[in-house]
C-alpha atoms as a PDB file:
ATOM      1  CA  MET A   1     -79.566 132.967 194.007  1.00  0.00           C
ATOM      2  CA  PRO A   2     -82.137 130.876 192.160  1.00  0.00           C
ATOM      3  CA  LYS A   3     -84.697 131.868 189.652  1.00  0.00           C
ATOM      4  CA  THR A   4     -87.057 129.218 188.414  1.00  0.00           C
ATOM      5  CA  GLY A   5     -86.846 128.991 184.688  1.00  0.00           C
ATOM      6  CA  LYS A   6     -87.487 126.540 181.917  1.00  0.00           C
ATOM      7  CA  ASN A   7     -90.141 124.005 182.991  1.00  0.00           C
ATOM      8  CA  ASP A   8     -90.386 125.912 186.310  1.00  0.00           C
ATOM      9  CA  HIS A   9     -87.303 124.196 187.784  1.00  0.00           C
ATOM     10  CA  ALA A  10     -84.454 125.906 189.604  1.00  0.00           C
ATOM     11  CA  ARG A  11     -81.128 126.336 187.888  1.00  0.00           C
ATOM     12  CA  LYS A  12     -79.003 123.935 189.882  1.00  0.00           C
ATOM     13  CA  ASP A  13     -75.837 126.060 189.705  1.00  0.00           C
ATOM     14  CA  GLU A  14     -77.621 128.960 191.428  1.00  0.00           C
ATOM     15  CA  LEU A  15     -78.653 126.910 194.477  1.00  0.00           C
ATOM     16  CA  PRO A  16     -76.749 126.554 197.761  1.00  0.00           C
ATOM     17  CA  SER A  17     -74.333 123.611 197.519  1.00  0.00           C
ATOM     18  CA  THR A  18     -76.314 121.392 199.898  1.00  0.00           C
ATOM     19  CA  LEU A  19     -79.328 121.732 197.623  1.00  0.00           C
ATOM     20  CA  GLN A  20     -77.275 120.999 194.517  1.00  0.00           C
ATOM     21  CA  ARG A  21     -76.734 117.534 196.056  1.00  0.00           C
ATOM     22  CA  SER A  22     -80.441 117.086 196.908  1.00  0.00           C
ATOM     23  CA  ASP A  23     -83.442 115.881 194.930  1.00  0.00           C
ATOM     24  CA  ARG A  24     -85.296 118.080 192.464  1.00  0.00           C
ATOM     25  CA  LYS A  25     -88.316 118.570 194.751  1.00  0.00           C
ATOM     26  CA  ALA A  26     -86.076 120.021 197.486  1.00  0.00           C
ATOM     27  CA  GLN A  27     -84.421 122.276 194.918  1.00  0.00           C
ATOM     28  CA  ASP A  28     -87.755 123.473 193.553  1.00  0.00           C
ATOM     29  CA  THR A  29     -89.213 124.042 197.039  1.00  0.00           C
ATOM     30  CA  PHE A  30     -86.279 126.270 197.933  1.00  0.00           C
ATOM     31  CA  ALA A  31     -86.178 128.109 194.593  1.00  0.00           C
ATOM     32  CA  LYS A  32     -89.904 128.839 194.338  1.00  0.00           C
ATOM     33  CA  THR A  33     -90.060 130.084 197.916  1.00  0.00           C
ATOM     34  CA  TYR A  34     -86.926 132.180 197.411  1.00  0.00           C
ATOM     35  CA  ASP A  35     -88.301 133.771 194.235  1.00  0.00           C
ATOM     36  CA  SER A  36     -91.632 134.548 195.881  1.00  0.00           C
ATOM     37  CA  ALA A  37     -89.926 135.976 198.963  1.00  0.00           C
ATOM     38  CA  MET A  38     -87.689 138.184 196.804  1.00  0.00           C
ATOM     39  CA  ASP A  39     -90.851 139.693 195.311  1.00  0.00           C
ATOM     40  CA  SER A  40     -92.539 140.040 198.705  1.00  0.00           C
ATOM     41  CA  TYR A  41     -89.533 141.479 200.540  1.00  0.00           C
ATOM     42  CA  ASP A  42     -88.452 144.005 197.884  1.00  0.00           C
ATOM     43  CA  GLY A  43     -85.337 142.104 196.844  1.00  0.00           C
ATOM     44  CA  ASP A  44     -83.963 141.457 200.360  1.00  0.00           C
ATOM     45  CA  GLU A  45     -81.777 138.438 199.504  1.00  0.00           C
ATOM     46  CA  SER A  46     -80.945 137.561 203.105  1.00  0.00           C
ATOM     47  CA  ARG A  47     -84.574 137.518 204.187  1.00  0.00           C
ATOM     48  CA  ALA A  48     -85.582 135.584 201.060  1.00  0.00           C
ATOM     49  CA  ALA A  49     -82.917 132.935 201.762  1.00  0.00           C
ATOM     50  CA  ARG A  50     -84.038 132.578 205.408  1.00  0.00           C
ATOM     51  CA  THR A  51     -87.644 132.217 204.243  1.00  0.00           C
ATOM     52  CA  ALA A  52     -86.692 129.623 201.623  1.00  0.00           C
ATOM     53  CA  PHE A  53     -84.695 127.548 204.119  1.00  0.00           C
ATOM     54  CA  ALA A  54     -87.586 127.748 206.607  1.00  0.00           C
ATOM     55  CA  SER A  55     -89.930 126.422 203.935  1.00  0.00           C
ATOM     56  CA  LEU A  56     -87.502 123.656 202.981  1.00  0.00           C
ATOM     57  CA  LYS A  57     -87.033 122.585 206.611  1.00  0.00           C
ATOM     58  CA  HIS A  58     -90.786 122.039 206.936  1.00  0.00           C
ATOM     59  CA  SER A  59     -90.588 118.965 204.696  1.00  0.00           C
ATOM     60  CA  TYR A  60     -86.842 118.184 204.478  1.00  0.00           C
ATOM     61  CA  GLU A  61     -84.021 117.556 206.939  1.00  0.00           C
ATOM     62  CA  LYS A  62     -80.309 117.963 206.412  1.00  0.00           C
ATOM     63  CA  VAL A  63     -78.465 114.643 206.344  1.00  0.00           C
ATOM     64  CA  GLY A  64     -74.739 114.972 205.886  1.00  0.00           C
ATOM     65  CA  ASP A  65     -74.122 117.223 202.887  1.00  0.00           C
ATOM     66  CA  HIS A  66     -77.650 117.225 201.399  1.00  0.00           C
ATOM     67  CA  TRP A  67     -81.380 117.384 202.196  1.00  0.00           C
ATOM     68  CA  GLU A  68     -83.723 114.374 202.454  1.00  0.00           C
ATOM     69  CA  PRO A  69     -87.515 114.234 202.859  1.00  0.00           C
ATOM     70  CA  LYS A  70     -88.689 114.120 206.473  1.00  0.00           C
ATOM     71  CA  GLU A  71     -90.866 111.268 207.714  1.00  0.00           C
ATOM     72  CA  GLU A  72     -93.445 113.822 208.878  1.00  0.00           C
ATOM     73  CA  SER A  73     -93.683 117.426 207.775  1.00  0.00           C
ATOM     74  CA  GLY A  74     -93.739 120.228 210.281  1.00  0.00           C
ATOM     75  CA  PRO A  75     -91.386 122.597 212.084  1.00  0.00           C
ATOM     76  CA  SER A  76     -87.904 121.140 212.510  1.00  0.00           C
ATOM     77  CA  ASP A  77     -87.074 122.809 215.824  1.00  0.00           C
ATOM     78  CA  ALA A  78     -88.338 125.268 218.451  1.00  0.00           C
ATOM     79  CA  HIS A  79     -87.066 128.233 216.412  1.00  0.00           C
ATOM     80  CA  ALA A  80     -89.065 127.140 213.367  1.00  0.00           C
ATOM     81  CA  ALA A  81     -92.179 126.547 215.471  1.00  0.00           C
ATOM     82  CA  GLU A  82     -92.029 130.069 216.931  1.00  0.00           C
ATOM     83  CA  GLY A  83     -91.110 131.884 213.721  1.00  0.00           C
ATOM     84  CA  ILE A  84     -88.631 134.548 212.695  1.00  0.00           C
ATOM     85  CA  SER A  85     -88.835 136.501 215.948  1.00  0.00           C
ATOM     86  CA  SER A  86     -87.862 133.442 218.011  1.00  0.00           C
ATOM     87  CA  ASP A  87     -84.806 133.725 220.211  1.00  0.00           C
ATOM     88  CA  LYS A  88     -84.483 129.933 220.359  1.00  0.00           C
ATOM     89  CA  PRO A  89     -81.499 128.446 218.506  1.00  0.00           C
ATOM     90  CA  THR A  90     -81.994 126.707 215.178  1.00  0.00           C
ATOM     91  CA  ALA A  91     -80.997 123.062 214.776  1.00  0.00           C
ATOM     92  CA  GLY A  92     -79.344 123.819 211.422  1.00  0.00           C
ATOM     93  CA  GLY A  93     -81.563 121.539 209.358  1.00  0.00           C
ATOM     94  CA  VAL A  94     -81.584 118.636 211.812  1.00  0.00           C
ATOM     95  CA  ASP A  95     -85.164 117.560 212.525  1.00  0.00           C
ATOM     96  CA  ALA A  96     -84.905 118.157 216.268  1.00  0.00           C
ATOM     97  CA  ASN A  97     -88.632 117.474 216.645  1.00  0.00           C
ATOM     98  CA  ALA A  98     -88.211 113.908 215.358  1.00  0.00           C
ATOM     99  CA  SER A  99     -88.159 111.004 217.777  1.00  0.00           C
ATOM    100  CA  LYS A 100     -84.979 109.996 219.548  1.00  0.00           C
ATOM    101  CA  GLU A 101     -85.113 106.742 217.592  1.00  0.00           C
ATOM    102  CA  HIS A 102     -85.140 108.651 214.291  1.00  0.00           C
ATOM    103  CA  LEU A 103     -82.225 110.817 215.394  1.00  0.00           C
ATOM    104  CA  TYR A 104     -80.332 107.710 216.472  1.00  0.00           C
ATOM    105  CA  ARG A 105     -80.875 106.113 213.031  1.00  0.00           C
ATOM    106  CA  ARG A 106     -79.541 109.267 211.355  1.00  0.00           C
ATOM    107  CA  ALA A 107     -76.536 109.228 213.712  1.00  0.00           C
ATOM    108  CA  ARG A 108     -75.895 105.595 212.769  1.00  0.00           C
ATOM    109  CA  GLU A 109     -76.090 106.499 209.031  1.00  0.00           C
ATOM    110  CA  LEU A 110     -73.468 109.217 209.610  1.00  0.00           C
ATOM    111  CA  ASP A 111     -71.358 106.888 211.802  1.00  0.00           C
ATOM    112  CA  ILE A 112     -71.402 109.219 214.815  1.00  0.00           C
ATOM    113  CA  LYS A 113     -69.321 107.717 217.611  1.00  0.00           C
ATOM    114  CA  GLY A 114     -70.881 107.427 221.078  1.00  0.00           C
ATOM    115  CA  ARG A 115     -74.438 107.721 219.732  1.00  0.00           C
ATOM    116  CA  SER A 116     -75.769 104.841 221.839  1.00  0.00           C
ATOM    117  CA  THR A 117     -75.186 106.767 225.071  1.00  0.00           C
ATOM    118  CA  MET A 118     -76.473 110.156 223.835  1.00  0.00           C
ATOM    119  CA  ASN A 119     -79.744 111.739 224.863  1.00  0.00           C
ATOM    120  CA  LYS A 120     -81.952 113.441 222.287  1.00  0.00           C
ATOM    121  CA  GLU A 121     -80.349 116.885 222.667  1.00  0.00           C
ATOM    122  CA  GLU A 122     -76.865 115.405 222.353  1.00  0.00           C
ATOM    123  CA  LEU A 123     -77.918 113.519 219.204  1.00  0.00           C
ATOM    124  CA  VAL A 124     -79.211 116.761 217.656  1.00  0.00           C
ATOM    125  CA  GLN A 125     -75.922 118.528 218.428  1.00  0.00           C
ATOM    126  CA  ALA A 126     -73.836 115.621 217.131  1.00  0.00           C
ATOM    127  CA  LEU A 127     -75.906 115.495 213.918  1.00  0.00           C
ATOM    128  CA  GLN A 128     -75.439 119.246 213.392  1.00  0.00           C
ATOM    129  CA  LYS A 129     -71.684 118.853 213.814  1.00  0.00           C
ATOM    130  CA  ALA A 130     -71.552 115.849 211.451  1.00  0.00           C
ATOM    131  CA  ASN A 131     -73.691 117.647 208.852  1.00  0.00           C
ATOM    132  CA  ASP A 132     -71.449 120.712 208.977  1.00  0.00           C
ATOM    133  CA  ALA A 133     -68.335 118.563 208.568  1.00  0.00           C
ATOM    134  CA  ALA A 134     -69.864 116.642 205.627  1.00  0.00           C
ATOM    135  CA  THR A 135     -70.861 119.897 203.927  1.00  0.00           C
ATOM    136  CA  ARG A 136     -67.364 121.367 204.374  1.00  0.00           C
ATOM    137  CA  LYS A 137     -65.802 118.194 202.956  1.00  0.00           C
ATOM    138  CA  ALA A 138     -68.156 118.175 199.964  1.00  0.00           C
ATOM    139  CA  ARG A 139     -67.413 121.827 199.188  1.00  0.00           C
ATOM    140  CA  GLU A 140     -63.678 121.162 199.261  1.00  0.00           C
ATOM    141  CA  GLY A 141     -64.209 118.588 196.549  1.00  0.00           C
END
């Protein structure tokens, strides 16, 4: 996993693939949080990665196979709002707290069929599914 290095930027090849396809600020946010969490949690890589993704999701949302800045920063879903001990499901990087209109625009960008008849929860689920498929496709090359 990442270590910030020269000029305090993450080494791109050490980042998760979705971050390798994202802007430098997203990469640095993840890497700096990961490095700090590794120090705080005595080298627990799993916990450091969860902490880094939680930090990233505060200001970024997953769109297809990469991360883009959110319109408004804040928790992305009920799980993020409650914290690590939450039993609520995560939205997998989708900004489930965004407006239905925002989610609809993202669904249009990803060409999700049937989006015009979906409620907010259905849009979140469809976006998660589309993001997962785009990430799988990007990893396959």
